[in-house]
């Protein structure tokens, strides 16, 4: 996905290329090359014995398929990492560690197999951003990772009254589609940088889960278990990225969210933390983590 931001004060623009399982660049654990991974681990100063052990673990693996009582013949594979293996996500993160942005105006963010490119464009100059997108595609090809352009989308954010049309972004001869909203790591980001769409999705999901809380109440489940269910299934939805969007939420949106908590209180028959209390609690926890992490970009602010 490419996100284009226009800052009215600096007449600058920002574009962002985002990847996630729903929309973006798809990288696969099944395409990792063990020998290439070993080279990358050596460059990261991982002990040679561990590198050799990992390479041995990933090569000459036997795989087969079972369907009911039927079983296929086994095949030997020398690429990828075992699905469900605890070590696989870590190996993939190390494998993609050298995938970085070289231009200071373009930021590359990675979370597991999701990758986001954010480029600030000023005075219509976007060559650096386009070059980074091209280099990401080249890097993916050289590292045997598939770049899924069909699930890559573009979002343009421009706060000027009459923004000029922008040339479409192409990756591997495929034109990137433009969208007004996209879901990034569980949060819906809108073109106007407002959180109405995200909050609507939270309200809908939480209201659907209230049904199960009512059903459990009908079966006379103990109050303590009802509170545990609410905390795990409903409160967790209400608090998704709450430290990001709560401060910009409108009063009407907060009332809608708080209404879900009030409904849950009536079903359970016990008081529950308000939305403001949940927000304040998570902000404090987040701030404490930042103060204990000198590598965090905001550590110096505390």
Foldseek 3Di string as FASTA:
>chain_A
DWEWAADVVQRKIKIKWKDDPQFHWFWDQQAFALVLLLVLVVVVVDDNVVSVVSQVQQFQDWDWDDDPPDIDDIDGDRGGDDPPDPCSQVSQCSLCVPLAQDDPQWGWDDDRRMIMIMGMGHPNDCPSVLVSLQVNLVVCVVRRTGTDQVRIATEYAYPDPDDDDDDFRDDPNRTHHYDQWDADPNAIAGSPRARPVRLVVLLVQLVVVVVVLLVVVVVVDALVVSVVCCVVRNVVSLCDVCLPHVVRDDPVSLVSSQVSQVVSCVSSVHHDDGSVRSNVVVVVVVLVVLCVDPPDPCNVVD
